[in-house]
C-alpha atoms as a PDB file:
ATOM      1  CA  MET A   1       1.830  55.039  30.874  1.00  0.00           C
ATOM      2  CA  LYS A   2       1.536  52.197  32.893  1.00  0.00           C
ATOM      3  CA  LYS A   3      -1.761  51.248  31.316  1.00  0.00           C
ATOM      4  CA  LYS A   4      -0.439  51.597  28.018  1.00  0.00           C
ATOM      5  CA  SER A   5       2.643  49.607  28.393  1.00  0.00           C
ATOM      6  CA  LEU A   6       0.239  46.651  29.832  1.00  0.00           C
ATOM      7  CA  PHE A   7      -1.978  47.076  26.629  1.00  0.00           C
ATOM      8  CA  ILE A   8       1.020  46.732  24.181  1.00  0.00           C
ATOM      9  CA  LEU A   9       1.836  43.930  26.036  1.00  0.00           C
ATOM     10  CA  ILE A  10      -1.396  42.307  25.982  1.00  0.00           C
ATOM     11  CA  ILE A  11      -1.417  43.117  21.952  1.00  0.00           C
ATOM     12  CA  SER A  12       1.824  41.720  21.586  1.00  0.00           C
ATOM     13  CA  SER A  13       1.516  38.817  23.207  1.00  0.00           C
ATOM     14  CA  ILE A  14      -1.666  37.727  21.299  1.00  0.00           C
ATOM     15  CA  LEU A  15       0.013  38.349  17.671  1.00  0.00           C
ATOM     16  CA  LEU A  16       2.732  36.047  19.045  1.00  0.00           C
ATOM     17  CA  ILE A  17      -0.151  33.436  19.812  1.00  0.00           C
ATOM     18  CA  LEU A  18      -2.052  33.884  16.279  1.00  0.00           C
ATOM     19  CA  THR A  19       1.064  33.951  14.476  1.00  0.00           C
ATOM     20  CA  GLY A  20       2.225  30.445  15.890  1.00  0.00           C
ATOM     21  CA  CYS A  21      -1.288  29.172  15.376  1.00  0.00           C
ATOM     22  CA  SER A  22      -1.038  30.241  11.798  1.00  0.00           C
ATOM     23  CA  ARG A  23       2.286  28.465  11.264  1.00  0.00           C
ATOM     24  CA  GLN A  24       1.021  25.398  12.841  1.00  0.00           C
ATOM     25  CA  SER A  25      -2.293  25.460  10.605  1.00  0.00           C
ATOM     26  CA  ASN A  26       0.033  25.839   7.781  1.00  0.00           C
ATOM     27  CA  SER A  27       2.361  23.136   8.920  1.00  0.00           C
ATOM     28  CA  SER A  28      -0.855  20.853   9.299  1.00  0.00           C
ATOM     29  CA  ASN A  29      -1.780  21.780   5.662  1.00  0.00           C
ATOM     30  CA  LYS A  30       1.226  21.302   3.788  1.00  0.00           C
ATOM     31  CA  LYS A  31       1.492  18.949   1.002  1.00  0.00           C
ATOM     32  CA  ILE A  32       3.759  15.759   1.317  1.00  0.00           C
ATOM     33  CA  GLN A  33       5.020  14.644  -1.794  1.00  0.00           C
ATOM     34  CA  ILE A  34       4.594  11.252  -2.245  1.00  0.00           C
ATOM     35  CA  ILE A  35       7.221   9.662  -5.280  1.00  0.00           C
ATOM     36  CA  SER A  36       6.258   5.599  -4.994  1.00  0.00           C
ATOM     37  CA  THR A  37       2.611   4.632  -6.909  1.00  0.00           C
ATOM     38  CA  PRO A  38      -0.059   4.365  -4.550  1.00  0.00           C
ATOM     39  CA  THR A  39      -2.243   1.230  -4.672  1.00  0.00           C
ATOM     40  CA  LEU A  40      -5.894   1.817  -3.984  1.00  0.00           C
ATOM     41  CA  PHE A  41      -7.980  -1.222  -2.565  1.00  0.00           C
ATOM     42  CA  PHE A  42     -11.640  -0.903  -3.037  1.00  0.00           C
ATOM     43  CA  HIS A  43     -14.325  -3.708  -1.657  1.00  0.00           C
ATOM     44  CA  GLY A  44     -17.528  -5.502  -2.911  1.00  0.00           C
ATOM     45  CA  GLY A  45     -21.004  -4.854  -2.398  1.00  0.00           C
ATOM     46  CA  GLY A  46     -21.965  -4.660   1.373  1.00  0.00           C
ATOM     47  CA  SER A  47     -18.961  -5.231   2.613  1.00  0.00           C
ATOM     48  CA  SER A  48     -16.093  -3.029   4.181  1.00  0.00           C
ATOM     49  CA  TYR A  49     -12.701  -2.103   3.818  1.00  0.00           C
ATOM     50  CA  HIS A  50     -12.063  -4.814   6.311  1.00  0.00           C
ATOM     51  CA  ALA A  51     -12.681  -7.171   3.202  1.00  0.00           C
ATOM     52  CA  GLU A  52      -9.391  -5.573   2.123  1.00  0.00           C
ATOM     53  CA  GLU A  53      -6.930  -6.165   5.470  1.00  0.00           C
ATOM     54  CA  HIS A  54      -6.136  -9.750   4.273  1.00  0.00           C
ATOM     55  CA  MET A  55      -4.588  -9.013   1.019  1.00  0.00           C
ATOM     56  CA  VAL A  56      -3.225  -5.808   2.737  1.00  0.00           C
ATOM     57  CA  ASN A  57      -1.791  -7.556   5.442  1.00  0.00           C
ATOM     58  CA  ALA A  58      -0.436 -10.009   3.438  1.00  0.00           C
ATOM     59  CA  ALA A  59       1.430  -7.383   1.473  1.00  0.00           C
ATOM     60  CA  LYS A  60       3.128  -5.717   4.627  1.00  0.00           C
ATOM     61  CA  LYS A  61       4.099  -9.175   5.970  1.00  0.00           C
ATOM     62  CA  ALA A  62       6.121  -9.666   1.935  1.00  0.00           C
ATOM     63  CA  GLY A  63       7.720  -6.345   3.269  1.00  0.00           C
ATOM     64  CA  VAL A  64       6.272  -4.421   0.408  1.00  0.00           C
ATOM     65  CA  THR A  65       5.107  -1.723   2.370  1.00  0.00           C
ATOM     66  CA  LYS A  66       4.676  -0.295   5.768  1.00  0.00           C
ATOM     67  CA  SER A  67       2.478   2.545   4.988  1.00  0.00           C
ATOM     68  CA  VAL A  68      -1.383   1.921   5.141  1.00  0.00           C
ATOM     69  CA  ILE A  69      -4.275   4.423   5.158  1.00  0.00           C
ATOM     70  CA  ARG A  70      -8.483   4.729   5.252  1.00  0.00           C
ATOM     71  CA  ALA A  71     -10.218   6.435   2.782  1.00  0.00           C
ATOM     72  CA  GLU A  72     -13.722   7.065   4.221  1.00  0.00           C
ATOM     73  CA  VAL A  73     -16.153   7.967   1.766  1.00  0.00           C
ATOM     74  CA  SER A  74     -19.651   9.368   2.911  1.00  0.00           C
ATOM     75  CA  LYS A  75     -22.764   8.673   1.196  1.00  0.00           C
ATOM     76  CA  THR A  76     -22.604  11.873  -0.635  1.00  0.00           C
ATOM     77  CA  GLY A  77     -19.113  11.444  -1.595  1.00  0.00           C
ATOM     78  CA  LYS A  78     -17.010  13.295   1.108  1.00  0.00           C
ATOM     79  CA  VAL A  79     -13.551  11.841   1.715  1.00  0.00           C
ATOM     80  CA  THR A  80     -12.251  11.707   5.097  1.00  0.00           C
ATOM     81  CA  LEU A  81      -8.204  10.270   5.365  1.00  0.00           C
ATOM     82  CA  VAL A  82      -7.346   8.223   8.129  1.00  0.00           C
ATOM     83  CA  GLY A  83      -3.904   8.167   8.741  1.00  0.00           C
ATOM     84  CA  THR A  84      -1.067   9.858   7.048  1.00  0.00           C
ATOM     85  CA  TRP A  85       1.615   8.537   4.486  1.00  0.00           C
ATOM     86  CA  PRO A  86       5.092   9.671   5.330  1.00  0.00           C
ATOM     87  CA  LYS A  87       6.931  11.330   2.718  1.00  0.00           C
ATOM     88  CA  ASN A  88       9.388   8.473   2.045  1.00  0.00           C
ATOM     89  CA  ALA A  89       6.291   5.829   2.028  1.00  0.00           C
ATOM     90  CA  LYS A  90       7.130   2.734   0.011  1.00  0.00           C
ATOM     91  CA  ASN A  91       4.633   1.718  -2.185  1.00  0.00           C
ATOM     92  CA  PRO A  92       1.490   2.962  -0.268  1.00  0.00           C
ATOM     93  CA  ILE A  93      -1.799   1.792   0.212  1.00  0.00           C
ATOM     94  CA  CYS A  94      -5.210   3.252   0.306  1.00  0.00           C
ATOM     95  CA  GLU A  95      -8.038   0.967   2.053  1.00  0.00           C
ATOM     96  CA  VAL A  96     -10.928   2.425   0.811  1.00  0.00           C
ATOM     97  CA  ASN A  97     -14.283   2.635   2.671  1.00  0.00           C
ATOM     98  CA  TYR A  98     -17.733   3.500   1.062  1.00  0.00           C
ATOM     99  CA  GLU A  99     -20.175   4.028   3.452  1.00  0.00           C
ATOM    100  CA  ASN A 100     -22.823   3.121   1.299  1.00  0.00           C
ATOM    101  CA  ASN A 101     -21.528  -0.216   0.367  1.00  0.00           C
ATOM    102  CA  ARG A 102     -24.775  -1.176  -1.678  1.00  0.00           C
ATOM    103  CA  GLN A 103     -24.939   1.915  -4.369  1.00  0.00           C
ATOM    104  CA  LEU A 104     -26.388   0.073  -7.771  1.00  0.00           C
ATOM    105  CA  ASP A 105     -25.791   3.547  -9.734  1.00  0.00           C
ATOM    106  CA  PHE A 106     -22.320   2.495 -11.144  1.00  0.00           C
ATOM    107  CA  ASN A 107     -21.874   6.459 -12.015  1.00  0.00           C
ATOM    108  CA  LYS A 108     -21.669   7.127  -8.178  1.00  0.00           C
ATOM    109  CA  HIS A 109     -18.960   4.878  -8.203  1.00  0.00           C
ATOM    110  CA  SER A 110     -17.111   6.851 -10.385  1.00  0.00           C
ATOM    111  CA  ALA A 111     -17.541   9.758  -8.197  1.00  0.00           C
ATOM    112  CA  TYR A 112     -16.669   8.340  -5.360  1.00  0.00           C
ATOM    113  CA  ALA A 113     -13.395   6.832  -6.688  1.00  0.00           C
ATOM    114  CA  THR A 114     -12.378   9.825  -8.338  1.00  0.00           C
ATOM    115  CA  ASN A 115     -13.223  11.956  -5.004  1.00  0.00           C
ATOM    116  CA  VAL A 116     -11.060   9.563  -3.374  1.00  0.00           C
ATOM    117  CA  VAL A 117      -7.890  10.090  -6.199  1.00  0.00           C
ATOM    118  CA  LYS A 118      -8.505  13.901  -6.017  1.00  0.00           C
ATOM    119  CA  THR A 119      -8.276  13.783  -2.286  1.00  0.00           C
ATOM    120  CA  LEU A 120      -4.951  12.260  -2.518  1.00  0.00           C
ATOM    121  CA  GLN A 121      -3.673  14.384  -4.870  1.00  0.00           C
ATOM    122  CA  LYS A 122      -4.128  17.446  -3.109  1.00  0.00           C
ATOM    123  CA  LYS A 123      -2.594  15.990  -0.158  1.00  0.00           C
ATOM    124  CA  TYR A 124       0.152  13.607  -1.644  1.00  0.00           C
ATOM    125  CA  GLY A 125       0.857  15.368  -4.916  1.00  0.00           C
ATOM    126  CA  ILE A 126       0.487  11.446  -6.592  1.00  0.00           C
ATOM    127  CA  LYS A 127       0.732  11.136 -10.268  1.00  0.00           C
ATOM    128  CA  LYS A 128       0.042   7.350 -10.535  1.00  0.00           C
ATOM    129  CA  ILE A 129      -2.016   4.940  -9.239  1.00  0.00           C
ATOM    130  CA  ASN A 130      -2.477   1.531  -9.064  1.00  0.00           C
ATOM    131  CA  MET A 131      -6.076   0.170  -8.354  1.00  0.00           C
ATOM    132  CA  VAL A 132      -7.543  -3.491  -7.014  1.00  0.00           C
ATOM    133  CA  GLY A 133     -11.214  -4.172  -6.587  1.00  0.00           C
ATOM    134  CA  HIS A 134     -12.975  -7.388  -5.607  1.00  0.00           C
ATOM    135  CA  SER A 135     -16.391  -7.509  -6.940  1.00  0.00           C
ATOM    136  CA  LEU A 136     -18.572  -4.478  -6.987  1.00  0.00           C
ATOM    137  CA  GLY A 137     -15.307  -2.680  -5.986  1.00  0.00           C
ATOM    138  CA  ASN A 138     -14.409  -3.435  -9.464  1.00  0.00           C
ATOM    139  CA  ILE A 139     -17.240  -1.041 -10.552  1.00  0.00           C
ATOM    140  CA  SER A 140     -15.073   1.867  -9.416  1.00  0.00           C
ATOM    141  CA  ILE A 141     -12.040   0.954 -11.463  1.00  0.00           C
ATOM    142  CA  ILE A 142     -14.068   0.831 -14.837  1.00  0.00           C
ATOM    143  CA  TYR A 143     -15.764   3.927 -14.135  1.00  0.00           C
ATOM    144  CA  TYR A 144     -12.970   5.778 -12.482  1.00  0.00           C
ATOM    145  CA  MET A 145     -11.256   5.318 -16.133  1.00  0.00           C
ATOM    146  CA  LEU A 146     -14.763   6.170 -17.820  1.00  0.00           C
ATOM    147  CA  GLN A 147     -14.574   9.512 -16.522  1.00  0.00           C
ATOM    148  CA  ASN A 148     -10.873  10.588 -16.017  1.00  0.00           C
ATOM    149  CA  GLY A 149      -9.151   8.123 -18.328  1.00  0.00           C
ATOM    150  CA  ASN A 150      -8.703  10.821 -20.790  1.00  0.00           C
ATOM    151  CA  LYS A 151      -7.916  13.620 -18.213  1.00  0.00           C
ATOM    152  CA  LYS A 152      -4.056  14.656 -17.889  1.00  0.00           C
ATOM    153  CA  ASN A 153      -4.625  16.381 -14.562  1.00  0.00           C
ATOM    154  CA  MET A 154      -5.702  13.277 -12.922  1.00  0.00           C
ATOM    155  CA  PRO A 155      -3.849  10.530 -11.767  1.00  0.00           C
ATOM    156  CA  GLN A 156      -3.620   7.490 -14.313  1.00  0.00           C
ATOM    157  CA  ILE A 157      -4.072   3.539 -13.450  1.00  0.00           C
ATOM    158  CA  GLN A 158      -0.665   1.762 -14.051  1.00  0.00           C
ATOM    159  CA  LYS A 159      -1.815  -1.511 -12.733  1.00  0.00           C
ATOM    160  CA  GLN A 160      -5.292  -2.950 -11.809  1.00  0.00           C
ATOM    161  CA  VAL A 161      -6.348  -6.413 -10.261  1.00  0.00           C
ATOM    162  CA  ASN A 162      -9.813  -7.280 -10.728  1.00  0.00           C
ATOM    163  CA  ILE A 163     -10.985 -10.026  -8.485  1.00  0.00           C
ATOM    164  CA  ALA A 164     -14.513 -11.498  -9.397  1.00  0.00           C
ATOM    165  CA  GLY A 165     -15.696  -8.679 -11.190  1.00  0.00           C
ATOM    166  CA  HIS A 166     -19.489  -9.102 -12.727  1.00  0.00           C
ATOM    167  CA  PHE A 167     -18.732  -6.933 -15.576  1.00  0.00           C
ATOM    168  CA  ALA A 168     -21.212  -8.310 -17.743  1.00  0.00           C
ATOM    169  CA  GLY A 169     -23.738  -8.650 -15.176  1.00  0.00           C
ATOM    170  CA  LEU A 170     -25.548 -10.607 -12.246  1.00  0.00           C
ATOM    171  CA  ASP A 171     -27.669 -13.681 -12.699  1.00  0.00           C
ATOM    172  CA  PHE A 172     -29.360 -13.815  -9.456  1.00  0.00           C
ATOM    173  CA  ASP A 173     -33.080 -12.492  -8.296  1.00  0.00           C
ATOM    174  CA  GLY A 174     -33.508  -9.134  -7.654  1.00  0.00           C
ATOM    175  CA  ILE A 175     -31.049  -7.592  -9.488  1.00  0.00           C
ATOM    176  CA  PRO A 176     -32.273  -4.673 -11.884  1.00  0.00           C
ATOM    177  CA  ASN A 177     -32.232  -5.251 -15.867  1.00  0.00           C
ATOM    178  CA  SER A 178     -29.647  -2.682 -16.402  1.00  0.00           C
ATOM    179  CA  ILE A 179     -27.101  -4.569 -14.432  1.00  0.00           C
ATOM    180  CA  LYS A 180     -28.490  -8.481 -14.943  1.00  0.00           C
ATOM    181  CA  GLN A 181     -26.813 -10.859 -17.066  1.00  0.00           C
ATOM    182  CA  PRO A 182     -28.482 -11.737 -20.031  1.00  0.00           C
ATOM    183  CA  LYS A 183     -29.811 -14.939 -20.296  1.00  0.00           C
ATOM    184  CA  GLY A 184     -27.809 -17.092 -23.125  1.00  0.00           C
ATOM    185  CA  MET A 185     -25.048 -14.728 -22.962  1.00  0.00           C
ATOM    186  CA  LYS A 186     -21.575 -16.169 -24.395  1.00  0.00           C
ATOM    187  CA  LEU A 187     -18.406 -14.653 -25.088  1.00  0.00           C
ATOM    188  CA  ASN A 188     -16.754 -14.655 -28.349  1.00  0.00           C
ATOM    189  CA  SER A 189     -12.475 -15.028 -28.557  1.00  0.00           C
ATOM    190  CA  LYS A 190     -12.345 -11.626 -27.609  1.00  0.00           C
ATOM    191  CA  GLY A 191     -14.458 -11.605 -24.581  1.00  0.00           C
ATOM    192  CA  LYS A 192     -17.248 -10.025 -26.384  1.00  0.00           C
ATOM    193  CA  PRO A 193     -20.659 -10.962 -25.313  1.00  0.00           C
ATOM    194  CA  ASN A 194     -23.284 -11.665 -27.794  1.00  0.00           C
ATOM    195  CA  LYS A 195     -25.755  -9.901 -25.553  1.00  0.00           C
ATOM    196  CA  MET A 196     -25.125  -6.788 -23.313  1.00  0.00           C
ATOM    197  CA  ASN A 197     -27.355  -5.126 -20.503  1.00  0.00           C
ATOM    198  CA  SER A 198     -27.352  -1.341 -20.755  1.00  0.00           C
ATOM    199  CA  THR A 199     -24.726  -1.135 -18.140  1.00  0.00           C
ATOM    200  CA  TYR A 200     -22.224  -3.054 -20.006  1.00  0.00           C
ATOM    201  CA  GLU A 201     -23.091  -1.075 -23.218  1.00  0.00           C
ATOM    202  CA  GLN A 202     -22.163   2.018 -21.265  1.00  0.00           C
ATOM    203  CA  MET A 203     -18.804   0.530 -19.888  1.00  0.00           C
ATOM    204  CA  THR A 204     -17.678  -0.463 -23.581  1.00  0.00           C
ATOM    205  CA  LYS A 205     -16.876   3.345 -23.996  1.00  0.00           C
ATOM    206  CA  VAL A 206     -13.667   2.816 -21.829  1.00  0.00           C
ATOM    207  CA  ARG A 207     -12.272   0.342 -24.566  1.00  0.00           C
ATOM    208  CA  SER A 208     -10.744   3.725 -26.196  1.00  0.00           C
ATOM    209  CA  ILE A 209      -9.357   4.735 -23.319  1.00  0.00           C
ATOM    210  CA  TYR A 210      -7.349   1.438 -22.654  1.00  0.00           C
ATOM    211  CA  ALA A 211      -6.606   1.478 -26.313  1.00  0.00           C
ATOM    212  CA  LYS A 212      -4.597   4.314 -25.466  1.00  0.00           C
ATOM    213  CA  LYS A 213      -2.993   3.401 -22.231  1.00  0.00           C
ATOM    214  CA  HIS A 214      -0.331   1.285 -20.945  1.00  0.00           C
ATOM    215  CA  VAL A 215      -1.977  -0.236 -18.266  1.00  0.00           C
ATOM    216  CA  LYS A 216      -1.549  -3.991 -17.030  1.00  0.00           C
ATOM    217  CA  VAL A 217      -4.726  -5.858 -16.044  1.00  0.00           C
ATOM    218  CA  LEU A 218      -4.758  -8.876 -13.966  1.00  0.00           C
ATOM    219  CA  ASN A 219      -8.081 -10.830 -13.916  1.00  0.00           C
ATOM    220  CA  ILE A 220      -8.697 -13.200 -11.160  1.00  0.00           C
ATOM    221  CA  ILE A 221     -11.264 -15.438 -11.234  1.00  0.00           C
ATOM    222  CA  GLY A 222     -13.113 -18.183  -8.895  1.00  0.00           C
ATOM    223  CA  ASP A 223     -14.545 -21.446 -10.239  1.00  0.00           C
ATOM    224  CA  VAL A 224     -15.868 -23.905  -7.361  1.00  0.00           C
ATOM    225  CA  GLY A 225     -16.437 -26.048 -10.232  1.00  0.00           C
ATOM    226  CA  ASN A 226     -19.580 -25.277 -11.957  1.00  0.00           C
ATOM    227  CA  GLY A 227     -18.132 -22.197 -14.230  1.00  0.00           C
ATOM    228  CA  SER A 228     -18.629 -19.466 -11.352  1.00  0.00           C
ATOM    229  CA  ASP A 229     -17.187 -18.665  -8.096  1.00  0.00           C
ATOM    230  CA  GLY A 230     -21.229 -19.359  -6.501  1.00  0.00           C
ATOM    231  CA  ARG A 231     -21.981 -15.600  -6.993  1.00  0.00           C
ATOM    232  CA  VAL A 232     -20.424 -14.754 -10.229  1.00  0.00           C
ATOM    233  CA  ASP A 233     -21.047 -16.807 -13.780  1.00  0.00           C
ATOM    234  CA  ASN A 234     -17.884 -16.799 -15.206  1.00  0.00           C
ATOM    235  CA  ARG A 235     -18.063 -15.326 -17.971  1.00  0.00           C
ATOM    236  CA  SER A 236     -19.426 -12.020 -16.759  1.00  0.00           C
ATOM    237  CA  SER A 237     -15.763 -11.935 -14.883  1.00  0.00           C
ATOM    238  CA  LEU A 238     -14.140 -12.827 -18.268  1.00  0.00           C
ATOM    239  CA  SER A 239     -16.184 -10.254 -20.541  1.00  0.00           C
ATOM    240  CA  LEU A 240     -13.421  -7.698 -18.808  1.00  0.00           C
ATOM    241  CA  GLN A 241     -10.962  -8.657 -21.530  1.00  0.00           C
ATOM    242  CA  TYR A 242     -13.202  -6.955 -24.610  1.00  0.00           C
ATOM    243  CA  LEU A 243     -13.360  -4.109 -22.238  1.00  0.00           C
ATOM    244  CA  VAL A 244      -9.657  -3.362 -21.187  1.00  0.00           C
ATOM    245  CA  SER A 245      -8.064  -5.124 -24.133  1.00  0.00           C
ATOM    246  CA  GLY A 246      -6.307  -3.189 -27.252  1.00  0.00           C
ATOM    247  CA  GLY A 247      -3.453  -0.906 -27.692  1.00  0.00           C
ATOM    248  CA  ASN A 248      -0.455  -1.134 -25.494  1.00  0.00           C
ATOM    249  CA  THR A 249      -2.495  -2.992 -22.316  1.00  0.00           C
ATOM    250  CA  THR A 250      -1.663  -6.020 -21.336  1.00  0.00           C
ATOM    251  CA  TYR A 251      -4.118  -8.491 -19.831  1.00  0.00           C
ATOM    252  CA  ARG A 252      -3.736 -11.816 -18.349  1.00  0.00           C
ATOM    253  CA  VAL A 253      -6.245 -14.043 -16.499  1.00  0.00           C
ATOM    254  CA  LEU A 254      -5.565 -16.155 -13.254  1.00  0.00           C
ATOM    255  CA  LYS A 255      -8.496 -18.757 -12.439  1.00  0.00           C
ATOM    256  CA  ILE A 256      -8.629 -20.135  -9.115  1.00  0.00           C
ATOM    257  CA  ASN A 257     -10.595 -23.555  -8.426  1.00  0.00           C
ATOM    258  CA  GLY A 258     -11.719 -25.542  -5.402  1.00  0.00           C
ATOM    259  CA  LYS A 259     -13.688 -24.109  -2.214  1.00  0.00           C
ATOM    260  CA  ASN A 260     -11.827 -21.492  -1.419  1.00  0.00           C
ATOM    261  CA  ALA A 261     -12.140 -19.704  -5.076  1.00  0.00           C
ATOM    262  CA  GLN A 262     -15.619 -19.086  -3.749  1.00  0.00           C
ATOM    263  CA  HIS A 263     -16.370 -15.646  -4.096  1.00  0.00           C
ATOM    264  CA  SER A 264     -16.287 -13.951  -0.876  1.00  0.00           C
ATOM    265  CA  LYS A 265     -13.266 -16.168   0.219  1.00  0.00           C
ATOM    266  CA  LEU A 266     -11.181 -14.680  -2.731  1.00  0.00           C
ATOM    267  CA  HIS A 267     -10.148 -11.924  -1.014  1.00  0.00           C
ATOM    268  CA  GLU A 268      -8.723 -14.029   1.737  1.00  0.00           C
ATOM    269  CA  ASN A 269      -6.889 -16.676  -0.650  1.00  0.00           C
ATOM    270  CA  ALA A 270      -3.303 -17.218  -0.303  1.00  0.00           C
ATOM    271  CA  GLN A 271      -3.017 -17.903  -3.880  1.00  0.00           C
ATOM    272  CA  VAL A 272      -4.467 -14.821  -5.017  1.00  0.00           C
ATOM    273  CA  ASP A 273      -2.106 -13.043  -2.202  1.00  0.00           C
ATOM    274  CA  LYS A 274       0.833 -14.469  -3.619  1.00  0.00           C
ATOM    275  CA  ALA A 275      -0.360 -13.456  -7.323  1.00  0.00           C
ATOM    276  CA  LEU A 276      -1.380  -9.826  -6.565  1.00  0.00           C
ATOM    277  CA  ILE A 277       2.047  -9.038  -4.574  1.00  0.00           C
ATOM    278  CA  LYS A 278       4.075 -10.604  -7.370  1.00  0.00           C
ATOM    279  CA  PHE A 279       2.022  -8.565 -10.076  1.00  0.00           C
ATOM    280  CA  LEU A 280       1.906  -5.005  -8.626  1.00  0.00           C
ATOM    281  CA  TRP A 281       5.045  -4.830  -6.738  1.00  0.00           C
ATOM    282  CA  ASN A 282       7.005  -7.473  -8.225  1.00  0.00           C
ATOM    283  CA  LYS A 283       7.912  -9.660  -5.109  1.00  0.00           C
END
């Protein structure tokens, strides 16, 4: 009889422990509903989320937000979130970090960015997003729109900031022809290049998507005095206009001049910080 009572006591204890673990597991997996629109930052080629920190810290100092997390993206596209947004997060920010930071297959950038957004959507129930890109990070924005702009079940971009983008290509040695800026390329009044590489031609498919949206676009370019930011030709950056203009989408350009307009200095430029904060959060 004593053995039977002891057995029942042990079984009861085990069930109690398992129930507690189950509740704890369910609690940790519970979705946190975020109402405020999150902003995702994408770094450039050969870089990391550290390049986003200056702009993010400027936003924090301006009182825009206190909620910042990071999305680590593996070479295979697996996303791991570092940190947590509270349920009452105001203007939450996600710093995106790509392990493969030199990926030149632009379609992979679409997969990476989509996986980040899906992960945030699953955990926080987000319905809208803002995006900020520097250099190669701009490709994630355009290709996210290419893949998801017409999908009602995916969060849609409300505002985007493009910084030092090389949409129409790059003109230095060692670049594949698919993303090389064509020689003698010029833009018409609508930002359309007279010559296009194969990647830009692919990106033109996004025009019909932007034409149906209400996206607000700020294009920030740098000019160190020779019509480029020292790395990207201004014509390549300005070719964004042709991709996003039309319909109810609004587009404007901010040109930064001088030595601090250099390509890798633009994401640490006080003028850029101020413009970005005002554009995204009206501060």
